[in-house]
Structure formats: structure tokens, C-alpha cells
Amino acid sequence: MSQYNSNTNNNFGALYLIPNVLSDKHQDDFIPDMVRKMTHHLKHFVVENEKDARALVKKLKIQTSQQEIKLWQLNEHTEAAEIENLLSALANGQDAGLLSDAGLPCIADPGSQLVKLAHQKNIKVIALPGSSSIVLTLMGSGFNGQQFTFNGYLPIDKNQRAKKIQTMEQMAIKGQTQLFMEAPYRNNPLLNDILLNCNPQTKLCIGCEVCTDEGFIQTKTLAAWKANLPDLHKKPVMFALGI
């Protein structure tokens, strides 16, 4: 089945959804050759962060010089009214790439709003394969991969967070795997909140620094984690509750 949209708008180029690496280590190993081949002609990119974007563009071996490349910014601070202006990257039949700071564009990422607009405008959208810490943690967890929910970031308010954790635990017990994440500097407090609000026999998977030599994906009961707490401070981590 083709991934290209039918009845595409010829006034615009195609929007390529380009995966980024999950770690600065071994970057070249996690960029598929097909991604390089399909994106080497691009000159325009919609990005979260210019520094990270230019680093990825260099790894993609884009044939255009860095000086000629044009970047448009799209992040969590971008107003909804500004998103349509980003279509300028695709004007006059120019192809453009949508980049995330890490992993897959539009997955736990603000890029989905631009893709939504592209579909409304009948612009061709081309999704390219790459790594996702969400999917890799689910794969390595041993939990149900048929039914799962990605909850993103949990509430900051302590009471609301406790309720959310308890709700996720109940869903996990029913067989629906619950994935979630936190800002790296708040990982350890989140782990403590999970231990405080869940049954000791509930299973938790931690995907820490996946795709690195130092990383791991491990599933244990909360009682087992409590007996040997990992230090997750300032490390990219994906959490999952399941059975």
C-alpha cells in the first residue's frame, strides 16, 4: 500500500517526516540509508531546535550547504495561528523535512499539528522509518503490545499525579499497557511516586537511554525495583506499567 496521499496539492512540495537519533552516541548507526537517499535533496526544514536540526542535517549528508539551508521553527511554544505560516517551507513545489529533537516526528512531539494541516491542504506526507523510545520500550517490556496507551507527561500537581498513576495501574491490570515519561531531571521523583501509589506486585518496565551501550530495558515488580533503585536523574527514560 502506498504511503502517498492521493489528489495532492501541486502548489506545494512533499512533507517528509524525518526520524532523529535517540542519543548522540553512535548516531550514524541509527539513520537508515533509505532515509538519507530520500532526503538528500531537501533545502527546507521545520524543526524544534536549530542546533539539533543542523546536527541531524549534517548526518543525513544533505547535498545543500548549511548556509543555503532554511529552517522554520515549530515547538511547544508555537502558536496555533503561526503553524499555517510554516507551509511557506513547502511553497512553489518545494519539498521540506519535519524534524524532531529526538526519535520520530509527531510522536510526543508538536509536529503533528503541521501534518494535520498538510492533510487538510492535500499536501503529500511521506513518513520515514526510525527509532522511537516508546516503541522500543514496549517491545522490550514483555507487556501487551496489542493494547497500549501512551500517556505522555503526567500531571505536575502531586494529588493529580497520584490519581493518574493509580488510574494507569488499574488499566494495566486489565491488560492495557500504560506508557509514560517525565522530564529527565524529574525521573527519580516520578519513580518514587509510582512506588508510593501502586501495589508492590505491579510490574514496571524502565527503558533508560535506549540505543546506547549504557542503556537498558528492564521489567520488574515494584517491590524488586524498590529493593534496588536505579538512578535515573537527567537520563532519557520511558516508563511502562503492565502485566
C-alpha atoms as a PDB file:
ATOM      1  CA  MET A   1       0.000   0.000   0.000  1.00  0.00           C
ATOM      2  CA  SER A   2       1.396   3.396  -0.940  1.00  0.00           C
ATOM      3  CA  GLN A   3       2.002   5.903   1.863  1.00  0.00           C
ATOM      4  CA  TYR A   4       1.478   8.830  -0.519  1.00  0.00           C
ATOM      5  CA  ASN A   5      -1.682  10.912  -0.390  1.00  0.00           C
ATOM      6  CA  SER A   6      -3.995  10.878  -3.402  1.00  0.00           C
ATOM      7  CA  ASN A   7      -5.130  14.128  -5.046  1.00  0.00           C
ATOM      8  CA  THR A   8      -2.122  16.009  -3.691  1.00  0.00           C
ATOM      9  CA  ASN A   9      -1.839  19.773  -3.991  1.00  0.00           C
ATOM     10  CA  ASN A  10       0.631  20.621  -6.766  1.00  0.00           C
ATOM     11  CA  ASN A  11       1.187  24.112  -5.342  1.00  0.00           C
ATOM     12  CA  PHE A  12       3.149  22.563  -2.504  1.00  0.00           C
ATOM     13  CA  GLY A  13       6.025  20.125  -2.296  1.00  0.00           C
ATOM     14  CA  ALA A  14       6.023  16.959  -0.206  1.00  0.00           C
ATOM     15  CA  LEU A  15       6.463  16.971   3.569  1.00  0.00           C
ATOM     16  CA  TYR A  16       8.998  14.356   4.708  1.00  0.00           C
ATOM     17  CA  LEU A  17       8.749  13.193   8.338  1.00  0.00           C
ATOM     18  CA  ILE A  18      12.392  12.544   9.195  1.00  0.00           C
ATOM     19  CA  PRO A  19      13.433  10.497  12.275  1.00  0.00           C
ATOM     20  CA  ASN A  20      16.172  11.747  14.561  1.00  0.00           C
ATOM     21  CA  VAL A  21      18.515   9.634  16.659  1.00  0.00           C
ATOM     22  CA  LEU A  22      17.713   8.928  20.328  1.00  0.00           C
ATOM     23  CA  SER A  23      21.254   9.554  21.533  1.00  0.00           C
ATOM     24  CA  ASP A  24      24.343  11.481  20.475  1.00  0.00           C
ATOM     25  CA  LYS A  25      26.264   8.204  20.671  1.00  0.00           C
ATOM     26  CA  HIS A  26      26.562   6.025  17.547  1.00  0.00           C
ATOM     27  CA  GLN A  27      24.376   8.411  15.530  1.00  0.00           C
ATOM     28  CA  ASP A  28      25.346   7.042  12.126  1.00  0.00           C
ATOM     29  CA  ASP A  29      24.246   3.524  13.102  1.00  0.00           C
ATOM     30  CA  PHE A  30      20.622   4.608  13.604  1.00  0.00           C
ATOM     31  CA  ILE A  31      19.989   6.558  10.405  1.00  0.00           C
ATOM     32  CA  PRO A  32      18.748   4.145   7.711  1.00  0.00           C
ATOM     33  CA  ASP A  33      20.349   4.526   4.288  1.00  0.00           C
ATOM     34  CA  MET A  34      16.918   4.907   2.700  1.00  0.00           C
ATOM     35  CA  VAL A  35      16.298   8.000   4.840  1.00  0.00           C
ATOM     36  CA  ARG A  36      19.496   9.574   3.525  1.00  0.00           C
ATOM     37  CA  LYS A  37      18.602   8.686  -0.076  1.00  0.00           C
ATOM     38  CA  MET A  38      15.102  10.104   0.172  1.00  0.00           C
ATOM     39  CA  THR A  39      16.068  13.362   1.890  1.00  0.00           C
ATOM     40  CA  HIS A  40      19.427  14.332   0.385  1.00  0.00           C
ATOM     41  CA  HIS A  41      17.769  16.899  -1.920  1.00  0.00           C
ATOM     42  CA  LEU A  42      15.984  18.879   0.792  1.00  0.00           C
ATOM     43  CA  LYS A  43      16.793  22.523   1.477  1.00  0.00           C
ATOM     44  CA  HIS A  44      13.929  23.447   3.797  1.00  0.00           C
ATOM     45  CA  PHE A  45      13.234  22.038   7.271  1.00  0.00           C
ATOM     46  CA  VAL A  46      10.660  22.610  10.014  1.00  0.00           C
ATOM     47  CA  VAL A  47      12.463  21.972  13.315  1.00  0.00           C
ATOM     48  CA  GLU A  48      12.152  22.106  17.092  1.00  0.00           C
ATOM     49  CA  ASN A  49      15.662  23.347  17.778  1.00  0.00           C
ATOM     50  CA  GLU A  50      18.111  24.799  15.260  1.00  0.00           C
ATOM     51  CA  LYS A  51      21.281  23.337  16.809  1.00  0.00           C
ATOM     52  CA  ASP A  52      19.921  19.783  16.962  1.00  0.00           C
ATOM     53  CA  ALA A  53      18.406  20.123  13.497  1.00  0.00           C
ATOM     54  CA  ARG A  54      21.658  21.226  11.862  1.00  0.00           C
ATOM     55  CA  ALA A  55      23.480  18.319  13.534  1.00  0.00           C
ATOM     56  CA  LEU A  56      20.989  15.866  12.019  1.00  0.00           C
ATOM     57  CA  VAL A  57      21.100  17.553   8.611  1.00  0.00           C
ATOM     58  CA  LYS A  58      24.870  17.054   8.630  1.00  0.00           C
ATOM     59  CA  LYS A  59      24.434  13.349   9.452  1.00  0.00           C
ATOM     60  CA  LEU A  60      21.884  12.989   6.662  1.00  0.00           C
ATOM     61  CA  LYS A  61      24.558  14.170   4.209  1.00  0.00           C
ATOM     62  CA  ILE A  62      22.225  16.698   2.625  1.00  0.00           C
ATOM     63  CA  GLN A  63      23.718  17.896  -0.668  1.00  0.00           C
ATOM     64  CA  THR A  64      22.845  21.547   0.082  1.00  0.00           C
ATOM     65  CA  SER A  65      25.368  23.581   2.073  1.00  0.00           C
ATOM     66  CA  GLN A  66      24.453  24.573   5.624  1.00  0.00           C
ATOM     67  CA  GLN A  67      24.457  28.229   4.567  1.00  0.00           C
ATOM     68  CA  GLU A  68      21.741  27.601   1.956  1.00  0.00           C
ATOM     69  CA  ILE A  69      19.504  25.529   4.195  1.00  0.00           C
ATOM     70  CA  LYS A  70      16.455  27.344   5.572  1.00  0.00           C
ATOM     71  CA  LEU A  71      14.884  26.416   8.898  1.00  0.00           C
ATOM     72  CA  TRP A  72      11.411  27.160  10.274  1.00  0.00           C
ATOM     73  CA  GLN A  73      10.813  26.601  13.996  1.00  0.00           C
ATOM     74  CA  LEU A  74       7.921  24.566  15.414  1.00  0.00           C
ATOM     75  CA  ASN A  75       7.948  23.692  19.109  1.00  0.00           C
ATOM     76  CA  GLU A  76       5.663  23.671  22.137  1.00  0.00           C
ATOM     77  CA  HIS A  77       5.714  27.497  22.205  1.00  0.00           C
ATOM     78  CA  THR A  78       4.498  27.906  18.619  1.00  0.00           C
ATOM     79  CA  GLU A  79       1.030  29.471  18.498  1.00  0.00           C
ATOM     80  CA  ALA A  80      -1.633  27.622  16.523  1.00  0.00           C
ATOM     81  CA  ALA A  81      -2.130  30.709  14.352  1.00  0.00           C
ATOM     82  CA  GLU A  82       1.542  30.571  13.320  1.00  0.00           C
ATOM     83  CA  ILE A  83       1.513  26.980  12.066  1.00  0.00           C
ATOM     84  CA  GLU A  84      -0.059  27.796   8.704  1.00  0.00           C
ATOM     85  CA  ASN A  85       2.863  30.158   8.015  1.00  0.00           C
ATOM     86  CA  LEU A  86       5.141  27.107   8.149  1.00  0.00           C
ATOM     87  CA  LEU A  87       3.636  25.967   4.863  1.00  0.00           C
ATOM     88  CA  SER A  88       5.971  28.550   3.297  1.00  0.00           C
ATOM     89  CA  ALA A  89       8.611  25.821   3.604  1.00  0.00           C
ATOM     90  CA  LEU A  90       6.614  23.857   1.018  1.00  0.00           C
ATOM     91  CA  ALA A  91       5.587  26.733  -1.250  1.00  0.00           C
ATOM     92  CA  ASN A  92       6.154  26.675  -5.011  1.00  0.00           C
ATOM     93  CA  GLY A  93       6.528  22.911  -5.101  1.00  0.00           C
ATOM     94  CA  GLN A  94       9.485  22.776  -2.685  1.00  0.00           C
ATOM     95  CA  ASP A  95       9.890  19.615  -0.620  1.00  0.00           C
ATOM     96  CA  ALA A  96      10.597  20.072   3.094  1.00  0.00           C
ATOM     97  CA  GLY A  97      11.530  17.924   6.074  1.00  0.00           C
ATOM     98  CA  LEU A  98       9.902  17.886   9.506  1.00  0.00           C
ATOM     99  CA  LEU A  99      12.434  17.085  12.237  1.00  0.00           C
ATOM    100  CA  SER A 100      12.107  16.177  15.904  1.00  0.00           C
ATOM    101  CA  ASP A 101      14.814  16.773  18.508  1.00  0.00           C
ATOM    102  CA  ALA A 102      14.882  13.011  19.125  1.00  0.00           C
ATOM    103  CA  GLY A 103      13.047   9.983  17.814  1.00  0.00           C
ATOM    104  CA  LEU A 104      10.090  10.169  15.450  1.00  0.00           C
ATOM    105  CA  PRO A 105       8.382  13.408  14.398  1.00  0.00           C
ATOM    106  CA  CYS A 106       4.803  13.820  15.664  1.00  0.00           C
ATOM    107  CA  ILE A 107       5.191  11.150  18.373  1.00  0.00           C
ATOM    108  CA  ALA A 108       5.266  13.028  21.712  1.00  0.00           C
ATOM    109  CA  ASP A 109       6.183  15.970  19.512  1.00  0.00           C
ATOM    110  CA  PRO A 110       4.420  19.175  18.352  1.00  0.00           C
ATOM    111  CA  GLY A 111       4.902  18.351  14.649  1.00  0.00           C
ATOM    112  CA  SER A 112       1.522  16.601  14.391  1.00  0.00           C
ATOM    113  CA  GLN A 113      -0.241  19.959  14.020  1.00  0.00           C
ATOM    114  CA  LEU A 114       1.699  20.709  10.851  1.00  0.00           C
ATOM    115  CA  VAL A 115       0.970  17.242   9.449  1.00  0.00           C
ATOM    116  CA  LYS A 116      -2.726  17.701  10.247  1.00  0.00           C
ATOM    117  CA  LEU A 117      -2.685  20.951   8.271  1.00  0.00           C
ATOM    118  CA  ALA A 118      -0.811  19.270   5.414  1.00  0.00           C
ATOM    119  CA  HIS A 119      -3.593  16.673   5.095  1.00  0.00           C
ATOM    120  CA  GLN A 120      -6.214  19.422   5.115  1.00  0.00           C
ATOM    121  CA  LYS A 121      -4.364  21.094   2.234  1.00  0.00           C
ATOM    122  CA  ASN A 122      -3.905  17.780   0.340  1.00  0.00           C
ATOM    123  CA  ILE A 123      -0.142  18.027   0.679  1.00  0.00           C
ATOM    124  CA  LYS A 124       1.803  14.803   0.174  1.00  0.00           C
ATOM    125  CA  VAL A 125       3.089  13.421   3.518  1.00  0.00           C
ATOM    126  CA  ILE A 126       5.942  10.889   3.497  1.00  0.00           C
ATOM    127  CA  ALA A 127       6.706   9.138   6.811  1.00  0.00           C
ATOM    128  CA  LEU A 128      10.218   7.683   7.064  1.00  0.00           C
ATOM    129  CA  PRO A 129      11.276   4.880   9.474  1.00  0.00           C
ATOM    130  CA  GLY A 130      13.407   5.369  12.560  1.00  0.00           C
ATOM    131  CA  SER A 131      13.779   4.678  16.273  1.00  0.00           C
ATOM    132  CA  SER A 132      11.216   5.525  18.966  1.00  0.00           C
ATOM    133  CA  SER A 133      11.904   5.062  22.674  1.00  0.00           C
ATOM    134  CA  ILE A 134       8.173   4.495  23.144  1.00  0.00           C
ATOM    135  CA  VAL A 135       8.046   1.574  20.728  1.00  0.00           C
ATOM    136  CA  LEU A 136      11.415   0.140  21.778  1.00  0.00           C
ATOM    137  CA  THR A 137      10.411   0.136  25.460  1.00  0.00           C
ATOM    138  CA  LEU A 138       7.090  -1.522  24.611  1.00  0.00           C
ATOM    139  CA  MET A 139       8.897  -4.113  22.509  1.00  0.00           C
ATOM    140  CA  GLY A 140      11.339  -4.917  25.299  1.00  0.00           C
ATOM    141  CA  SER A 141       8.869  -4.819  28.184  1.00  0.00           C
ATOM    142  CA  GLY A 142       7.139  -8.164  27.767  1.00  0.00           C
ATOM    143  CA  PHE A 143       3.817  -6.329  28.208  1.00  0.00           C
ATOM    144  CA  ASN A 144       0.763  -6.428  25.972  1.00  0.00           C
ATOM    145  CA  GLY A 145       1.676  -4.979  22.566  1.00  0.00           C
ATOM    146  CA  GLN A 146      -1.869  -5.403  21.218  1.00  0.00           C
ATOM    147  CA  GLN A 147      -3.458  -2.883  23.578  1.00  0.00           C
ATOM    148  CA  PHE A 148      -1.471   0.026  24.949  1.00  0.00           C
ATOM    149  CA  THR A 149      -1.711   3.751  25.679  1.00  0.00           C
ATOM    150  CA  PHE A 150       0.971   6.408  25.615  1.00  0.00           C
ATOM    151  CA  ASN A 151       0.085   8.958  28.310  1.00  0.00           C
ATOM    152  CA  GLY A 152       2.878  11.443  27.675  1.00  0.00           C
ATOM    153  CA  TYR A 153       3.846  13.558  30.684  1.00  0.00           C
ATOM    154  CA  LEU A 154       1.916  13.078  33.923  1.00  0.00           C
ATOM    155  CA  PRO A 155       0.372  15.981  35.873  1.00  0.00           C
ATOM    156  CA  ILE A 156       2.817  18.037  37.936  1.00  0.00           C
ATOM    157  CA  ASP A 157       0.349  18.526  40.798  1.00  0.00           C
ATOM    158  CA  LYS A 158       1.096  15.792  43.338  1.00  0.00           C
ATOM    159  CA  ASN A 159      -2.532  14.826  44.003  1.00  0.00           C
ATOM    160  CA  GLN A 160      -3.456  14.748  40.333  1.00  0.00           C
ATOM    161  CA  ARG A 161      -0.326  12.772  39.572  1.00  0.00           C
ATOM    162  CA  ALA A 162      -1.173  10.194  42.249  1.00  0.00           C
ATOM    163  CA  LYS A 163      -4.670   9.766  40.783  1.00  0.00           C
ATOM    164  CA  LYS A 164      -3.263   9.407  37.274  1.00  0.00           C
ATOM    165  CA  ILE A 165      -0.760   6.756  38.390  1.00  0.00           C
ATOM    166  CA  GLN A 166      -3.489   4.795  40.181  1.00  0.00           C
ATOM    167  CA  THR A 167      -5.751   5.001  37.118  1.00  0.00           C
ATOM    168  CA  MET A 168      -2.931   3.776  34.867  1.00  0.00           C
ATOM    169  CA  GLU A 169      -2.239   0.894  37.240  1.00  0.00           C
ATOM    170  CA  GLN A 170      -5.879  -0.211  37.032  1.00  0.00           C
ATOM    171  CA  MET A 171      -5.788  -0.043  33.228  1.00  0.00           C
ATOM    172  CA  ALA A 172      -2.531  -2.015  33.212  1.00  0.00           C
ATOM    173  CA  ILE A 173      -4.050  -4.705  35.429  1.00  0.00           C
ATOM    174  CA  LYS A 174      -6.867  -5.028  32.867  1.00  0.00           C
ATOM    175  CA  GLY A 175      -4.260  -5.746  30.192  1.00  0.00           C
ATOM    176  CA  GLN A 176      -3.754  -2.342  28.564  1.00  0.00           C
ATOM    177  CA  THR A 177      -0.081  -1.413  28.777  1.00  0.00           C
ATOM    178  CA  GLN A 178       0.472   2.145  30.037  1.00  0.00           C
ATOM    179  CA  LEU A 179       3.485   4.080  28.746  1.00  0.00           C
ATOM    180  CA  PHE A 180       4.525   7.492  30.046  1.00  0.00           C
ATOM    181  CA  MET A 181       7.514   9.775  30.500  1.00  0.00           C
ATOM    182  CA  GLU A 182       8.904  12.650  32.528  1.00  0.00           C
ATOM    183  CA  ALA A 183      11.430  15.444  32.161  1.00  0.00           C
ATOM    184  CA  PRO A 184      14.819  13.781  32.828  1.00  0.00           C
ATOM    185  CA  TYR A 185      15.535  15.831  35.959  1.00  0.00           C
ATOM    186  CA  ARG A 186      12.231  14.634  37.497  1.00  0.00           C
ATOM    187  CA  ASN A 187      12.634  10.903  36.761  1.00  0.00           C
ATOM    188  CA  ASN A 188      13.658   9.902  40.277  1.00  0.00           C
ATOM    189  CA  PRO A 189      10.735  11.715  41.983  1.00  0.00           C
ATOM    190  CA  LEU A 190       8.355  10.107  39.478  1.00  0.00           C
ATOM    191  CA  LEU A 191       9.737   6.663  40.254  1.00  0.00           C
ATOM    192  CA  ASN A 192       9.180   7.342  43.961  1.00  0.00           C
ATOM    193  CA  ASP A 193       5.590   8.421  43.256  1.00  0.00           C
ATOM    194  CA  ILE A 194       4.975   5.184  41.338  1.00  0.00           C
ATOM    195  CA  LEU A 195       6.328   3.144  44.248  1.00  0.00           C
ATOM    196  CA  LEU A 196       4.171   5.115  46.679  1.00  0.00           C
ATOM    197  CA  ASN A 197       0.891   4.816  44.768  1.00  0.00           C
ATOM    198  CA  CYS A 198       0.986   1.323  43.259  1.00  0.00           C
ATOM    199  CA  ASN A 199       0.809  -2.240  44.537  1.00  0.00           C
ATOM    200  CA  PRO A 200       4.257  -3.767  45.214  1.00  0.00           C
ATOM    201  CA  GLN A 201       3.444  -6.648  42.854  1.00  0.00           C
ATOM    202  CA  THR A 202       2.568  -4.363  39.947  1.00  0.00           C
ATOM    203  CA  LYS A 203       5.134  -4.608  37.154  1.00  0.00           C
ATOM    204  CA  LEU A 204       7.085  -1.618  35.899  1.00  0.00           C
ATOM    205  CA  CYS A 205       9.305  -1.514  32.832  1.00  0.00           C
ATOM    206  CA  ILE A 206      12.014   1.145  32.621  1.00  0.00           C
ATOM    207  CA  GLY A 207      13.547   1.938  29.241  1.00  0.00           C
ATOM    208  CA  CYS A 208      16.587   4.044  30.095  1.00  0.00           C
ATOM    209  CA  GLU A 209      18.921   5.523  27.475  1.00  0.00           C
ATOM    210  CA  VAL A 210      17.759   3.008  24.891  1.00  0.00           C
ATOM    211  CA  CYS A 211      20.023   2.624  21.846  1.00  0.00           C
ATOM    212  CA  THR A 212      23.181   3.296  23.880  1.00  0.00           C
ATOM    213  CA  ASP A 213      25.758   0.929  25.360  1.00  0.00           C
ATOM    214  CA  GLU A 214      24.865   2.154  28.855  1.00  0.00           C
ATOM    215  CA  GLY A 215      21.125   1.852  28.356  1.00  0.00           C
ATOM    216  CA  PHE A 216      18.719  -0.851  29.463  1.00  0.00           C
ATOM    217  CA  ILE A 217      15.117  -2.038  29.212  1.00  0.00           C
ATOM    218  CA  GLN A 218      14.121  -3.981  32.320  1.00  0.00           C
ATOM    219  CA  THR A 219      10.806  -5.166  33.757  1.00  0.00           C
ATOM    220  CA  LYS A 220      10.436  -5.947  37.464  1.00  0.00           C
ATOM    221  CA  THR A 221       7.798  -5.799  40.171  1.00  0.00           C
ATOM    222  CA  LEU A 222       7.765  -2.549  42.089  1.00  0.00           C
ATOM    223  CA  ALA A 223       8.928  -4.477  45.148  1.00  0.00           C
ATOM    224  CA  ALA A 224      12.012  -5.583  43.215  1.00  0.00           C
ATOM    225  CA  TRP A 225      12.692  -2.051  41.927  1.00  0.00           C
ATOM    226  CA  LYS A 226      12.337  -0.674  45.455  1.00  0.00           C
ATOM    227  CA  ALA A 227      14.971  -3.102  46.710  1.00  0.00           C
ATOM    228  CA  ASN A 228      17.476  -1.804  44.160  1.00  0.00           C
ATOM    229  CA  LEU A 229      16.539   1.673  42.935  1.00  0.00           C
ATOM    230  CA  PRO A 230      18.263   2.867  39.747  1.00  0.00           C
ATOM    231  CA  ASP A 231      19.491   6.436  39.452  1.00  0.00           C
ATOM    232  CA  LEU A 232      17.541   7.892  36.529  1.00  0.00           C
ATOM    233  CA  HIS A 233      18.438  11.541  37.114  1.00  0.00           C
ATOM    234  CA  LYS A 234      18.881  13.514  33.875  1.00  0.00           C
ATOM    235  CA  LYS A 235      18.651  10.390  31.715  1.00  0.00           C
ATOM    236  CA  PRO A 236      16.120   9.902  28.888  1.00  0.00           C
ATOM    237  CA  VAL A 237      13.648   7.353  30.255  1.00  0.00           C
ATOM    238  CA  MET A 238      10.388   5.730  29.168  1.00  0.00           C
ATOM    239  CA  PHE A 239       8.202   4.087  31.822  1.00  0.00           C
ATOM    240  CA  ALA A 240       5.574   1.378  31.316  1.00  0.00           C
ATOM    241  CA  LEU A 241       3.106  -0.346  33.638  1.00  0.00           C
ATOM    242  CA  GLY A 242       1.745  -3.724  32.603  1.00  0.00           C
ATOM    243  CA  ILE A 243       1.196  -7.397  33.360  1.00  0.00           C
END
